[in-house]
C-alpha atoms as a PDB file:
ATOM      1  CA  MET A   1     -64.695  52.866-128.030  1.00  0.00           C
ATOM      2  CA  PRO A   2     -67.928  50.819-127.625  1.00  0.00           C
ATOM      3  CA  PRO A   3     -69.753  50.985-124.276  1.00  0.00           C
ATOM      4  CA  PRO A   4     -69.230  48.116-121.810  1.00  0.00           C
ATOM      5  CA  PRO A   5     -71.691  45.225-122.098  1.00  0.00           C
ATOM      6  CA  ALA A   6     -74.515  44.860-119.630  1.00  0.00           C
ATOM      7  CA  ALA A   7     -73.954  42.441-116.757  1.00  0.00           C
ATOM      8  CA  PRO A   8     -75.106  38.912-117.667  1.00  0.00           C
ATOM      9  CA  ASN A   9     -78.543  38.055-116.299  1.00  0.00           C
ATOM     10  CA  ILE A  10     -77.120  35.294-114.091  1.00  0.00           C
ATOM     11  CA  LEU A  11     -75.036  37.839-112.187  1.00  0.00           C
ATOM     12  CA  VAL A  12     -78.040  40.124-111.742  1.00  0.00           C
ATOM     13  CA  LEU A  13     -80.007  37.193-110.336  1.00  0.00           C
ATOM     14  CA  LEU A  14     -77.238  36.085-107.978  1.00  0.00           C
ATOM     15  CA  ALA A  15     -76.626  39.618-106.709  1.00  0.00           C
ATOM     16  CA  HIS A  16     -79.960  39.603-104.847  1.00  0.00           C
ATOM     17  CA  ASP A  17     -79.453  38.403-101.265  1.00  0.00           C
ATOM     18  CA  LEU A  18     -82.706  36.452-101.066  1.00  0.00           C
ATOM     19  CA  ARG A  19     -82.197  34.650-104.384  1.00  0.00           C
ATOM     20  CA  TRP A  20     -78.623  33.885-103.357  1.00  0.00           C
ATOM     21  CA  GLY A  21     -80.000  32.463-100.115  1.00  0.00           C
ATOM     22  CA  VAL A  22     -82.454  30.251-102.003  1.00  0.00           C
ATOM     23  CA  LEU A  23     -79.722  28.815-104.225  1.00  0.00           C
ATOM     24  CA  HIS A  24     -77.397  28.353-101.267  1.00  0.00           C
ATOM     25  CA  ARG A  25     -80.048  26.413 -99.355  1.00  0.00           C
ATOM     26  CA  LEU A  26     -80.909  24.197-102.334  1.00  0.00           C
ATOM     27  CA  ALA A  27     -77.230  23.514-102.972  1.00  0.00           C
ATOM     28  CA  GLN A  28     -76.555  22.594 -99.352  1.00  0.00           C
ATOM     29  CA  ALA A  29     -79.761  20.865 -98.236  1.00  0.00           C
ATOM     30  CA  GLY A  30     -81.180  19.446-101.462  1.00  0.00           C
ATOM     31  CA  ASP A  31     -84.766  19.866-102.594  1.00  0.00           C
ATOM     32  CA  GLN A  32     -86.996  22.091-100.471  1.00  0.00           C
ATOM     33  CA  ARG A  33     -90.626  23.140-100.212  1.00  0.00           C
ATOM     34  CA  VAL A  34     -91.511  26.836-100.281  1.00  0.00           C
ATOM     35  CA  PHE A  35     -92.442  26.985 -96.579  1.00  0.00           C
ATOM     36  CA  GLU A  36     -89.082  25.415 -95.689  1.00  0.00           C
ATOM     37  CA  LEU A  37     -87.252  28.037 -97.737  1.00  0.00           C
ATOM     38  CA  ALA A  38     -89.367  30.786 -96.156  1.00  0.00           C
ATOM     39  CA  ASP A  39     -88.534  29.532 -92.659  1.00  0.00           C
ATOM     40  CA  TYR A  40     -84.832  29.299 -93.492  1.00  0.00           C
ATOM     41  CA  LEU A  41     -84.717  32.790 -95.000  1.00  0.00           C
ATOM     42  CA  GLY A  42     -87.034  34.409 -92.448  1.00  0.00           C
ATOM     43  CA  GLN A  43     -89.244  35.796 -95.224  1.00  0.00           C
ATOM     44  CA  PRO A  44     -92.971  35.542 -96.073  1.00  0.00           C
ATOM     45  CA  GLN A  45     -93.862  32.719 -98.449  1.00  0.00           C
ATOM     46  CA  ASN A  46     -95.266  35.073-101.086  1.00  0.00           C
ATOM     47  CA  ILE A  47     -91.962  36.958-101.263  1.00  0.00           C
ATOM     48  CA  VAL A  48     -90.006  33.709-101.553  1.00  0.00           C
ATOM     49  CA  SER A  49     -92.422  32.459-104.235  1.00  0.00           C
ATOM     50  CA  TYR A  50     -91.820  35.616-106.267  1.00  0.00           C
ATOM     51  CA  HIS A  51     -88.072  35.041-106.304  1.00  0.00           C
ATOM     52  CA  LEU A  52     -88.505  31.331-106.954  1.00  0.00           C
ATOM     53  CA  LYS A  53     -90.383  32.267-110.124  1.00  0.00           C
ATOM     54  CA  LYS A  54     -87.481  34.493-111.199  1.00  0.00           C
ATOM     55  CA  LEU A  55     -85.062  31.608-110.737  1.00  0.00           C
ATOM     56  CA  ARG A  56     -87.386  29.163-112.513  1.00  0.00           C
ATOM     57  CA  ASP A  57     -87.792  31.538-115.462  1.00  0.00           C
ATOM     58  CA  ALA A  58     -83.999  31.600-115.750  1.00  0.00           C
ATOM     59  CA  GLY A  59     -83.864  27.801-115.804  1.00  0.00           C
ATOM     60  CA  LEU A  60     -81.818  27.618-112.590  1.00  0.00           C
ATOM     61  CA  ILE A  61     -84.383  25.716-110.511  1.00  0.00           C
ATOM     62  CA  HIS A  62     -87.240  23.319-111.256  1.00  0.00           C
ATOM     63  CA  ALA A  63     -90.337  22.260-109.342  1.00  0.00           C
ATOM     64  CA  ARG A  64     -92.106  18.923-108.943  1.00  0.00           C
ATOM     65  CA  ARG A  65     -95.204  17.910-106.990  1.00  0.00           C
ATOM     66  CA  SER A  66     -94.481  15.924-103.851  1.00  0.00           C
ATOM     67  CA  GLU A  67     -95.544  12.293-103.938  1.00  0.00           C
ATOM     68  CA  ALA A  68     -96.083  12.394-100.175  1.00  0.00           C
ATOM     69  CA  ASP A  69     -98.446  15.402-100.286  1.00  0.00           C
ATOM     70  CA  SER A  70     -99.617  16.660-103.684  1.00  0.00           C
ATOM     71  CA  ARG A  71    -100.323  20.097-102.211  1.00  0.00           C
ATOM     72  CA  ASP A  72     -96.570  20.644-101.884  1.00  0.00           C
ATOM     73  CA  GLN A  73     -93.967  21.289-104.522  1.00  0.00           C
ATOM     74  CA  TYR A  74     -90.288  20.484-104.162  1.00  0.00           C
ATOM     75  CA  TYR A  75     -87.869  22.966-105.687  1.00  0.00           C
ATOM     76  CA  ARG A  76     -84.492  21.707-106.860  1.00  0.00           C
ATOM     77  CA  LEU A  77     -81.367  23.430-108.080  1.00  0.00           C
ATOM     78  CA  ASP A  78     -80.274  22.622-111.643  1.00  0.00           C
ATOM     79  CA  MET A  79     -76.553  22.487-110.945  1.00  0.00           C
ATOM     80  CA  ALA A  80     -75.623  21.949-114.588  1.00  0.00           C
ATOM     81  CA  ALA A  81     -77.604  25.002-115.738  1.00  0.00           C
ATOM     82  CA  LEU A  82     -76.146  27.149-112.948  1.00  0.00           C
ATOM     83  CA  ARG A  83     -72.609  26.022-113.786  1.00  0.00           C
ATOM     84  CA  GLN A  84     -73.107  26.685-117.494  1.00  0.00           C
ATOM     85  CA  GLN A  85     -74.555  30.165-117.017  1.00  0.00           C
ATOM     86  CA  TYR A  86     -72.036  31.086-114.319  1.00  0.00           C
ATOM     87  CA  GLN A  87     -69.080  29.991-116.421  1.00  0.00           C
ATOM     88  CA  ALA A  88     -70.462  31.772-119.484  1.00  0.00           C
ATOM     89  CA  ALA A  89     -70.696  34.956-117.411  1.00  0.00           C
ATOM     90  CA  GLY A  90     -67.069  34.561-116.331  1.00  0.00           C
ATOM     91  CA  LEU A  91     -65.944  34.100-119.920  1.00  0.00           C
ATOM     92  CA  THR A  92     -67.416  37.486-120.832  1.00  0.00           C
ATOM     93  CA  LEU A  93     -64.676  39.019-118.660  1.00  0.00           C
ATOM     94  CA  HIS A  94     -61.699  36.689-119.104  1.00  0.00           C
ATOM     95  CA  PRO A  95     -61.123  32.956-119.813  1.00  0.00           C
ATOM     96  CA  ALA A  96     -58.875  32.693-116.742  1.00  0.00           C
ATOM     97  CA  LEU A  97     -61.934  33.097-114.518  1.00  0.00           C
ATOM     98  CA  VAL A  98     -63.190  29.629-115.507  1.00  0.00           C
ATOM     99  CA  GLY A  99     -60.816  27.212-113.785  1.00  0.00           C
ATOM    100  CA  ASP A 100     -60.728  23.514-113.025  1.00  0.00           C
ATOM    101  CA  THR A 101     -63.465  21.898-110.955  1.00  0.00           C
ATOM    102  CA  VAL A 102     -62.649  21.248-107.306  1.00  0.00           C
ATOM    103  CA  THR A 103     -62.749  17.579-106.340  1.00  0.00           C
ATOM    104  CA  ASN A 104     -63.037  15.858-103.005  1.00  0.00           C
ATOM    105  CA  THR A 105     -59.498  15.093-101.814  1.00  0.00           C
ATOM    106  CA  SER A 106     -60.280  13.806 -98.322  1.00  0.00           C
ATOM    107  CA  PRO A 107     -57.888  10.985 -97.309  1.00  0.00           C
ATOM    108  CA  ARG A 108     -60.817   8.998 -95.871  1.00  0.00           C
ATOM    109  CA  PRO A 109     -63.493   7.746 -98.271  1.00  0.00           C
ATOM    110  CA  MET A 110     -66.846   9.387 -97.629  1.00  0.00           C
ATOM    111  CA  ARG A 111     -69.744   7.180 -96.538  1.00  0.00           C
ATOM    112  CA  VAL A 112     -73.129   8.072 -97.969  1.00  0.00           C
ATOM    113  CA  LEU A 113     -76.513   6.399 -97.486  1.00  0.00           C
ATOM    114  CA  PHE A 114     -79.286   6.754-100.068  1.00  0.00           C
ATOM    115  CA  VAL A 115     -82.836   6.169 -98.820  1.00  0.00           C
ATOM    116  CA  CYS A 116     -86.148   5.536-100.571  1.00  0.00           C
ATOM    117  CA  THR A 117     -89.303   3.683 -99.601  1.00  0.00           C
ATOM    118  CA  HIS A 118     -88.743   0.258-101.141  1.00  0.00           C
ATOM    119  CA  ASN A 119     -84.984   0.290-101.842  1.00  0.00           C
ATOM    120  CA  ALA A 120     -85.970  -1.279-105.163  1.00  0.00           C
ATOM    121  CA  ALA A 121     -84.883   1.297-107.751  1.00  0.00           C
ATOM    122  CA  ARG A 122     -83.992   4.920-106.989  1.00  0.00           C
ATOM    123  CA  SER A 123     -81.763   4.404-103.944  1.00  0.00           C
ATOM    124  CA  GLN A 124     -80.184   1.283-105.448  1.00  0.00           C
ATOM    125  CA  MET A 125     -79.402   3.192-108.654  1.00  0.00           C
ATOM    126  CA  ALA A 126     -77.940   6.066-106.652  1.00  0.00           C
ATOM    127  CA  GLU A 127     -75.756   3.654-104.671  1.00  0.00           C
ATOM    128  CA  GLY A 128     -74.414   1.979-107.817  1.00  0.00           C
ATOM    129  CA  LEU A 129     -73.866   5.199-109.745  1.00  0.00           C
ATOM    130  CA  THR A 130     -72.038   6.796-106.813  1.00  0.00           C
ATOM    131  CA  ARG A 131     -69.671   3.866-106.548  1.00  0.00           C
ATOM    132  CA  HIS A 132     -69.158   3.910-110.328  1.00  0.00           C
ATOM    133  CA  LEU A 133     -68.674   7.673-110.734  1.00  0.00           C
ATOM    134  CA  SER A 134     -66.456   8.144-107.682  1.00  0.00           C
ATOM    135  CA  GLY A 135     -64.079   5.322-108.504  1.00  0.00           C
ATOM    136  CA  GLY A 136     -64.240   4.122-104.906  1.00  0.00           C
ATOM    137  CA  ARG A 137     -63.669   7.543-103.341  1.00  0.00           C
ATOM    138  CA  VAL A 138     -67.190   7.384-101.901  1.00  0.00           C
ATOM    139  CA  LYS A 139     -68.480   4.310-100.060  1.00  0.00           C
ATOM    140  CA  SER A 140     -72.158   4.236-100.980  1.00  0.00           C
ATOM    141  CA  HIS A 141     -75.008   2.279 -99.392  1.00  0.00           C
ATOM    142  CA  SER A 142     -78.788   2.257 -99.732  1.00  0.00           C
ATOM    143  CA  ALA A 143     -81.820   1.321 -97.664  1.00  0.00           C
ATOM    144  CA  GLY A 144     -85.595   1.548 -97.583  1.00  0.00           C
ATOM    145  CA  SER A 145     -88.285   2.128 -95.006  1.00  0.00           C
ATOM    146  CA  HIS A 146     -90.289  -0.781 -96.518  1.00  0.00           C
ATOM    147  CA  PRO A 147     -87.739  -2.688 -98.630  1.00  0.00           C
ATOM    148  CA  LEU A 148     -88.686  -4.977-101.508  1.00  0.00           C
ATOM    149  CA  SER A 149     -86.573  -6.866-104.059  1.00  0.00           C
ATOM    150  CA  VAL A 150     -84.444  -4.829-106.465  1.00  0.00           C
ATOM    151  CA  HIS A 151     -86.591  -4.284-109.547  1.00  0.00           C
ATOM    152  CA  PRO A 152     -85.337  -6.017-112.720  1.00  0.00           C
ATOM    153  CA  ASP A 153     -85.942  -2.886-114.805  1.00  0.00           C
ATOM    154  CA  ALA A 154     -83.569  -0.955-112.544  1.00  0.00           C
ATOM    155  CA  LEU A 155     -80.985  -3.665-113.186  1.00  0.00           C
ATOM    156  CA  THR A 156     -81.570  -3.317-116.935  1.00  0.00           C
ATOM    157  CA  VAL A 157     -81.162   0.453-116.996  1.00  0.00           C
ATOM    158  CA  MET A 158     -78.030   0.349-114.864  1.00  0.00           C
ATOM    159  CA  THR A 159     -76.519  -2.376-117.043  1.00  0.00           C
ATOM    160  CA  GLU A 160     -77.002  -0.046-120.017  1.00  0.00           C
ATOM    161  CA  ARG A 161     -74.706   2.390-118.190  1.00  0.00           C
ATOM    162  CA  GLY A 162     -72.094  -0.177-117.276  1.00  0.00           C
ATOM    163  CA  VAL A 163     -73.195  -0.402-113.645  1.00  0.00           C
ATOM    164  CA  ASP A 164     -73.858  -3.892-112.282  1.00  0.00           C
ATOM    165  CA  LEU A 165     -76.511  -4.100-109.553  1.00  0.00           C
ATOM    166  CA  SER A 166     -77.005  -7.858-109.831  1.00  0.00           C
ATOM    167  CA  ASP A 167     -75.445  -8.523-106.417  1.00  0.00           C
ATOM    168  CA  HIS A 168     -77.432  -5.781-104.669  1.00  0.00           C
ATOM    169  CA  THR A 169     -79.900  -6.830-101.993  1.00  0.00           C
ATOM    170  CA  PRO A 170     -82.620  -4.702-100.347  1.00  0.00           C
ATOM    171  CA  ASN A 171     -81.821  -3.308 -96.908  1.00  0.00           C
ATOM    172  CA  HIS A 172     -83.977  -1.859 -94.156  1.00  0.00           C
ATOM    173  CA  LEU A 173     -83.079   1.448 -92.541  1.00  0.00           C
ATOM    174  CA  SER A 174     -82.648  -0.383 -89.249  1.00  0.00           C
ATOM    175  CA  ASP A 175     -79.771  -2.373 -90.779  1.00  0.00           C
ATOM    176  CA  TYR A 176     -77.664   0.789 -90.554  1.00  0.00           C
ATOM    177  CA  ALA A 177     -78.708   1.900 -87.077  1.00  0.00           C
ATOM    178  CA  GLY A 178     -75.750   3.188 -85.079  1.00  0.00           C
ATOM    179  CA  GLN A 179     -73.481   3.510 -88.116  1.00  0.00           C
ATOM    180  CA  HIS A 180     -71.749   6.741 -89.126  1.00  0.00           C
ATOM    181  CA  PHE A 181     -72.386   8.392 -92.483  1.00  0.00           C
ATOM    182  CA  ASP A 182     -70.984  11.624 -93.858  1.00  0.00           C
ATOM    183  CA  ALA A 183     -74.216  12.173 -95.781  1.00  0.00           C
ATOM    184  CA  VAL A 184     -77.726  10.707 -95.779  1.00  0.00           C
ATOM    185  CA  ILE A 185     -79.681  11.499 -98.947  1.00  0.00           C
ATOM    186  CA  THR A 186     -83.365  10.680 -99.328  1.00  0.00           C
ATOM    187  CA  VAL A 187     -84.438  10.184-102.950  1.00  0.00           C
ATOM    188  CA  CYS A 188     -88.138   9.674-102.235  1.00  0.00           C
ATOM    189  CA  ASP A 189     -90.617  12.177-100.806  1.00  0.00           C
ATOM    190  CA  ARG A 190     -92.297   9.612 -98.583  1.00  0.00           C
ATOM    191  CA  ALA A 191     -89.015   8.286 -97.228  1.00  0.00           C
ATOM    192  CA  ARG A 192     -87.972  11.802 -96.277  1.00  0.00           C
ATOM    193  CA  GLU A 193     -90.832  11.921 -93.777  1.00  0.00           C
ATOM    194  CA  VAL A 194     -89.682   8.781 -91.930  1.00  0.00           C
ATOM    195  CA  CYS A 195     -85.896   8.837 -92.304  1.00  0.00           C
ATOM    196  CA  PRO A 196     -84.261   8.577 -88.862  1.00  0.00           C
ATOM    197  CA  THR A 197     -81.452  10.785 -87.602  1.00  0.00           C
ATOM    198  CA  PHE A 198     -78.027   9.174 -87.779  1.00  0.00           C
ATOM    199  CA  ASP A 199     -75.300   9.818 -85.216  1.00  0.00           C
ATOM    200  CA  GLY A 200     -72.165  11.777 -86.050  1.00  0.00           C
ATOM    201  CA  GLY A 201     -73.670  14.909 -87.583  1.00  0.00           C
ATOM    202  CA  ALA A 202     -74.321  13.449 -91.026  1.00  0.00           C
ATOM    203  CA  GLN A 203     -75.162  15.958 -93.713  1.00  0.00           C
ATOM    204  CA  VAL A 204     -78.809  15.458 -94.694  1.00  0.00           C
ATOM    205  CA  GLN A 205     -80.102  16.170 -98.192  1.00  0.00           C
ATOM    206  CA  HIS A 206     -83.297  15.432-100.080  1.00  0.00           C
ATOM    207  CA  TRP A 207     -83.460  14.736-103.807  1.00  0.00           C
ATOM    208  CA  SER A 208     -87.102  14.658-104.887  1.00  0.00           C
ATOM    209  CA  LEU A 209     -87.298  11.939-107.552  1.00  0.00           C
ATOM    210  CA  PRO A 210     -90.611  10.516-108.838  1.00  0.00           C
ATOM    211  CA  ASP A 211     -91.337   6.828-108.320  1.00  0.00           C
ATOM    212  CA  PRO A 212     -90.735   5.063-111.677  1.00  0.00           C
ATOM    213  CA  LEU A 213     -92.125   1.772-110.396  1.00  0.00           C
ATOM    214  CA  ALA A 214     -95.569   3.359-110.093  1.00  0.00           C
ATOM    215  CA  ILE A 215     -95.737   3.356-113.914  1.00  0.00           C
ATOM    216  CA  PRO A 216     -97.537   0.169-115.065  1.00  0.00           C
ATOM    217  CA  GLU A 217     -96.441   0.103-118.720  1.00  0.00           C
ATOM    218  CA  ARG A 218     -92.913  -1.269-119.078  1.00  0.00           C
ATOM    219  CA  ALA A 219     -91.649   0.906-121.936  1.00  0.00           C
ATOM    220  CA  ALA A 220     -92.727   4.085-120.123  1.00  0.00           C
ATOM    221  CA  ARG A 221     -91.290   2.738-116.863  1.00  0.00           C
ATOM    222  CA  LEU A 222     -87.921   2.119-118.516  1.00  0.00           C
ATOM    223  CA  ASP A 223     -87.954   5.640-119.968  1.00  0.00           C
ATOM    224  CA  ALA A 224     -88.677   7.034-116.489  1.00  0.00           C
ATOM    225  CA  LEU A 225     -85.826   4.984-114.997  1.00  0.00           C
ATOM    226  CA  ARG A 226     -83.453   6.273-117.684  1.00  0.00           C
ATOM    227  CA  ALA A 227     -84.511   9.855-116.940  1.00  0.00           C
ATOM    228  CA  ILE A 228     -83.870   9.286-113.234  1.00  0.00           C
ATOM    229  CA  ALA A 229     -80.461   7.809-114.041  1.00  0.00           C
ATOM    230  CA  ASP A 230     -79.619  10.942-116.067  1.00  0.00           C
ATOM    231  CA  GLU A 231     -80.651  13.192-113.191  1.00  0.00           C
ATOM    232  CA  LEU A 232     -78.742  11.098-110.666  1.00  0.00           C
ATOM    233  CA  VAL A 233     -75.568  11.307-112.735  1.00  0.00           C
ATOM    234  CA  GLY A 234     -75.736  15.104-112.635  1.00  0.00           C
ATOM    235  CA  ARG A 235     -76.548  15.297-108.932  1.00  0.00           C
ATOM    236  CA  ILE A 236     -73.989  12.690-107.891  1.00  0.00           C
ATOM    237  CA  SER A 237     -71.255  14.214-110.052  1.00  0.00           C
ATOM    238  CA  GLY A 238     -71.762  17.570-108.351  1.00  0.00           C
ATOM    239  CA  PHE A 239     -71.873  15.956-104.911  1.00  0.00           C
ATOM    240  CA  ILE A 240     -68.643  14.034-105.503  1.00  0.00           C
ATOM    241  CA  GLN A 241     -66.818  17.081-106.815  1.00  0.00           C
ATOM    242  CA  HIS A 242     -67.860  19.336-103.978  1.00  0.00           C
ATOM    243  CA  PRO A 243     -69.631  17.616-101.071  1.00  0.00           C
ATOM    244  CA  ALA A 244     -71.209  20.255 -98.823  1.00  0.00           C
END
């Protein structure tokens, strides 16, 4: 009889308490900087950085420089990669371990607010994609700290995906003052620094997305918007299926 196979690398990674804590925090709170993870875990930053590298090498998390402070990096969980590796590990034991995805079955539609600086692209795209992907099970809204008109290139990219933003208008954060949201998600590093606290214990997350409108050349800007749309689809799909 052949010897048993070695445990899949994903299980070895997840078995470490600190790495599990990192993934748990990123899954629950969105993108984080290393000092925020260190504070949450009660560990020195160098120790957290070591385990972040392990998770990055495995393709489970990614890093991007903050647009608010270039000295910082935001770390984000790659939910699709984690799901794929985790399910593959389960299949090595038995197919029955990989079951159906849990979906949000709350009788009341969730209310979620997406926030960026200008409410011109990223937050508007997130609002439209959430409405589209949830089939009305999530009531999505968006706002900006310094709102401008919705950018026509954002309209173009969303139209390519069957999402119509033509009736969207920019909103200021103050327009939603006093309203209840189940979740408030910042999609801009600068907006994260100024986003107010909403009443009712709203879940707060941060998704660190680069500003596509900072790109002057239109073809490159459209490519950046399409990449953001791809990332938003993955993040929103996971959020809808299993809101924290």
